[in-house]
Amino acid sequence: MPTLTATGGGVQIQDGSYPATALRAEEQPPAPGMLGAEPWLKWAFRIRDGSPGGVELTTGSSLKFGPQSKARKWAEALLNRKIIDGEKITLEQVLPRDCIAIIRHNDKGFAYVDGLLPAASLARKPEPSDIPF
């Protein structure tokens, strides 16, 4: 008979910023029984945390695409540019793509992607003005 080991659940990763790849985003149906629920996007990321193969995290966003929406901020980070109002963007244009993922934990202790930065931030070399002497 197998032995079962209790775990805390979820992905074991510290808060912080990590090199990552935004793998996919899939539209999900509204949650059943939730008043005013709307379809949403389930984003999947491969987080390179130093473990073999990294870890996969999923995080949700709405389908809204206004200037302050999570989906638009993430698309802008993945494209490494601002999106112009009226511009049409498909998920195929932005995924898969490397980025830097900001990881946080919710009040139940589960890790999630709180924000994205462009992957170019990884390769940025110091400018002469960055050096204090």
Protein backbone atom coordinates (compact mmCIF):
# COMPACT_ATOMS: atom_id res chain seq x y z
CA MET A 1 0.00 0.00 0.00
CA PRO A 2 1.45 3.47 -0.89
CA THR A 3 2.52 5.96 1.76
CA LEU A 4 1.05 9.44 1.38
CA THR A 5 2.98 12.53 2.49
CA ALA A 6 1.10 15.69 3.41
CA THR A 7 2.28 18.84 1.65
CA GLY A 8 1.33 22.48 1.83
CA GLY A 9 -0.08 22.32 -1.70
CA GLY A 10 0.80 24.54 -4.60
CA VAL A 11 4.23 25.33 -6.01
CA GLN A 12 7.08 25.75 -3.54
CA ILE A 13 8.84 28.97 -4.56
CA GLN A 14 9.97 32.10 -2.72
CA ASP A 15 8.59 35.58 -3.42
CA GLY A 16 10.78 37.44 -5.89
CA SER A 17 11.57 38.02 -9.54
CA TYR A 18 12.52 35.09 -11.76
CA PRO A 19 13.40 34.52 -15.41
CA ALA A 20 10.35 32.89 -16.96
CA THR A 21 8.55 31.96 -20.15
CA ALA A 22 4.91 32.86 -20.69
CA LEU A 23 3.77 29.60 -22.27
CA ARG A 24 0.08 30.00 -23.03
CA ALA A 25 -3.16 31.73 -22.10
CA GLU A 26 -6.46 29.94 -22.54
CA GLU A 27 -9.96 31.36 -22.27
CA GLN A 28 -11.91 29.76 -19.43
CA PRO A 29 -15.69 29.73 -18.93
CA PRO A 30 -17.24 31.76 -16.12
CA ALA A 31 -17.13 30.09 -12.71
CA PRO A 32 -20.46 28.33 -12.16
CA GLY A 33 -22.73 29.90 -9.57
CA MET A 34 -20.84 33.21 -9.36
CA LEU A 35 -23.08 36.21 -9.92
CA GLY A 36 -21.77 38.41 -12.73
CA ALA A 37 -19.01 35.96 -13.59
CA GLU A 38 -17.41 36.41 -16.99
CA PRO A 39 -15.02 34.33 -19.09
CA TRP A 40 -11.38 34.80 -18.08
CA LEU A 41 -7.85 33.90 -19.21
CA LYS A 42 -5.75 31.23 -17.52
CA TRP A 43 -2.07 32.10 -18.10
CA ALA A 44 0.67 29.46 -17.73
CA PHE A 45 4.31 30.32 -16.99
CA ARG A 46 7.47 28.24 -16.73
CA ILE A 47 9.42 29.84 -13.86
CA ARG A 48 13.17 29.21 -13.87
CA ASP A 49 13.74 29.03 -10.13
CA GLY A 50 16.96 27.01 -10.24
CA SER A 51 15.23 23.63 -9.92
CA PRO A 52 15.63 21.14 -12.78
CA GLY A 53 13.11 22.17 -15.44
CA GLY A 54 11.77 25.01 -13.31
CA VAL A 55 8.19 25.11 -12.07
CA GLU A 56 4.92 25.86 -13.86
CA LEU A 57 2.57 28.42 -12.35
CA THR A 58 -0.86 29.44 -13.62
CA THR A 59 -2.57 32.73 -12.86
CA GLY A 60 -5.85 34.20 -14.07
CA SER A 61 -6.75 37.52 -15.62
CA SER A 62 -9.91 39.02 -17.03
CA LEU A 63 -10.39 39.48 -20.78
CA LYS A 64 -10.50 43.24 -20.28
CA PHE A 65 -7.76 45.06 -22.23
CA GLY A 66 -7.83 48.63 -20.92
CA PRO A 67 -4.63 50.48 -19.96
CA GLN A 68 -4.71 49.27 -16.35
CA SER A 69 -5.81 45.68 -17.00
CA LYS A 70 -3.53 42.78 -16.10
CA ALA A 71 -3.83 41.25 -19.59
CA ARG A 72 -2.72 44.47 -21.30
CA LYS A 73 0.13 45.13 -18.87
CA TRP A 74 1.35 41.58 -19.39
CA ALA A 75 1.04 41.80 -23.19
CA GLU A 76 3.02 45.06 -23.13
CA ALA A 77 5.74 43.44 -21.00
CA LEU A 78 5.91 40.42 -23.30
CA LEU A 79 6.06 42.61 -26.41
CA ASN A 80 8.41 45.06 -24.64
CA ARG A 81 6.39 48.04 -25.90
CA LYS A 82 3.25 50.02 -25.21
CA ILE A 83 0.07 48.96 -26.95
CA ILE A 84 -1.80 51.78 -28.68
CA ASP A 85 -5.53 52.18 -27.95
CA GLY A 86 -7.46 50.54 -30.79
CA GLU A 87 -4.61 48.14 -31.63
CA LYS A 88 -5.69 44.51 -31.96
CA ILE A 89 -3.44 41.93 -30.29
CA THR A 90 -3.82 38.15 -30.48
CA LEU A 91 -2.40 35.73 -27.95
CA GLU A 92 -0.39 34.17 -30.77
CA GLN A 93 1.48 37.48 -31.13
CA VAL A 94 2.67 37.44 -27.53
CA LEU A 95 2.98 33.76 -26.59
CA PRO A 96 5.20 31.94 -25.96
CA ARG A 97 7.73 34.56 -24.90
CA ASP A 98 10.43 35.02 -22.29
CA CYS A 99 9.94 37.51 -19.49
CA ILE A 100 10.69 38.19 -15.84
CA ALA A 101 7.89 37.07 -13.52
CA ILE A 102 7.23 38.71 -10.17
CA ILE A 103 6.09 35.98 -7.78
CA ARG A 104 4.05 36.63 -4.63
CA HIS A 105 1.96 34.48 -2.27
CA ASN A 106 -1.71 35.04 -1.47
CA ASP A 107 -3.14 34.97 2.06
CA LYS A 108 -3.55 31.18 1.80
CA GLY A 109 0.13 30.71 0.95
CA PHE A 110 -0.26 29.89 -2.74
CA ALA A 111 2.27 31.34 -5.20
CA TYR A 112 1.01 33.38 -8.15
CA VAL A 113 2.42 35.65 -10.86
CA ASP A 114 1.82 39.20 -9.65
CA GLY A 115 3.45 41.00 -12.57
CA LEU A 116 5.71 40.71 -15.59
CA LEU A 117 8.71 42.64 -16.84
CA PRO A 118 10.21 42.42 -20.33
CA ALA A 119 12.89 39.77 -20.79
CA ALA A 120 15.17 42.56 -22.04
CA SER A 121 15.56 43.50 -18.36
CA LEU A 122 17.57 40.28 -17.94
CA ALA A 123 20.15 41.18 -20.54
CA ARG A 124 20.40 44.88 -19.73
CA LYS A 125 23.99 45.99 -19.35
CA PRO A 126 24.83 48.89 -17.03
CA GLU A 127 24.95 52.25 -18.74
CA PRO A 128 27.92 54.49 -17.96
CA SER A 129 25.50 56.74 -16.03
CA ASP A 130 24.63 53.73 -13.79
CA ILE A 131 28.19 53.49 -12.49
CA PRO A 132 28.65 55.76 -9.45
CA PHE A 133 32.29 56.68 -10.20
